Amino acid sequence: MGKARLTIDVEPALKARLKIAAASRGLSMRQLCLHALERELGEEDSQPLNWKSDPVLAELWDNEEDEIYNNL
């Protein structure tokens, strides 16, 4: 699978903290961000979200208008 670009805007002070934290760990800012995201999301979030796996999405999509998508 290919990669997708993610762009976020942060305050300059947060960027400076990120740069210092990454350098102190011998990582790039990108690597530190990826590690933080992976740590935050954990293994259970590696599965794609859909109406079958997420109760919130199931509740949102449980209606007659969207019933056609349940068979995809």
Protein backbone atom coordinates (compact mmCIF):
# COMPACT_ATOMS: atom_id res chain seq x y z
CA MET A 1 0.00 0.00 0.00
CA GLY A 2 1.25 3.49 -0.80
CA LYS A 3 1.63 6.36 1.58
CA ALA A 4 -0.69 9.31 2.10
CA ARG A 5 0.45 12.78 3.04
CA LEU A 6 -0.81 14.33 6.29
CA THR A 7 -0.33 18.02 6.93
CA ILE A 8 -1.10 19.71 10.25
CA ASP A 9 -0.69 23.27 11.44
CA VAL A 10 0.83 23.73 14.89
CA GLU A 11 1.87 26.69 16.98
CA PRO A 12 5.55 27.67 16.61
CA ALA A 13 6.19 26.79 20.26
CA LEU A 14 4.87 23.25 19.75
CA LYS A 15 6.98 22.83 16.63
CA ALA A 16 10.05 23.92 18.61
CA ARG A 17 9.25 21.39 21.35
CA LEU A 18 8.81 18.68 18.72
CA LYS A 19 12.13 19.54 17.12
CA ILE A 20 13.94 19.40 20.47
CA ALA A 21 12.24 16.14 21.49
CA ALA A 22 13.06 14.50 18.17
CA ALA A 23 16.69 15.61 18.27
CA SER A 24 17.11 14.41 21.85
CA ARG A 25 15.91 10.96 20.78
CA GLY A 26 18.00 10.88 17.62
CA LEU A 27 14.87 10.90 15.44
CA SER A 28 13.51 13.13 12.72
CA MET A 29 10.39 15.12 13.52
CA ARG A 30 8.53 12.86 11.07
CA GLN A 31 9.71 9.72 12.86
CA LEU A 32 8.73 11.09 16.26
CA CYS A 33 5.27 12.05 14.99
CA LEU A 34 4.76 8.60 13.45
CA HIS A 35 5.84 6.88 16.68
CA ALA A 36 3.49 9.10 18.70
CA LEU A 37 0.56 8.39 16.38
CA GLU A 38 1.20 4.65 16.43
CA ARG A 39 1.50 4.68 20.22
CA GLU A 40 -1.70 6.72 20.61
CA LEU A 41 -3.76 4.64 18.20
CA GLY A 42 -2.47 1.25 19.31
CA GLU A 43 -2.97 -2.10 17.65
CA GLU A 44 -6.75 -2.25 17.97
CA ASP A 45 -7.11 0.84 15.78
CA SER A 46 -5.18 -0.67 12.89
CA GLN A 47 -8.39 -2.13 11.47
CA PRO A 48 -10.39 0.09 9.12
CA LEU A 49 -13.48 1.65 10.63
CA ASN A 50 -16.81 0.58 9.26
CA TRP A 51 -20.37 0.22 10.49
CA LYS A 52 -19.72 -3.37 11.57
CA SER A 53 -16.69 -2.61 13.74
CA ASP A 54 -17.67 0.74 15.28
CA PRO A 55 -20.88 1.18 17.30
CA VAL A 56 -20.93 4.94 16.71
CA LEU A 57 -20.78 4.49 12.95
CA ALA A 58 -23.37 1.71 13.14
CA GLU A 59 -25.75 4.06 14.94
CA LEU A 60 -25.17 6.84 12.39
CA TRP A 61 -25.61 4.52 9.41
CA ASP A 62 -28.51 2.50 10.75
CA ASN A 63 -31.23 4.10 8.65
CA GLU A 64 -33.30 3.21 5.60
CA GLU A 65 -31.61 5.76 3.36
CA ASP A 66 -28.17 4.19 3.87
CA GLU A 67 -29.38 0.57 3.93
CA ILE A 68 -28.06 0.02 0.38
CA TYR A 69 -24.47 0.49 1.62
CA ASN A 70 -24.74 -2.39 4.11
CA ASN A 71 -24.37 -4.87 1.24
CA LEU A 72 -21.13 -3.45 -0.18
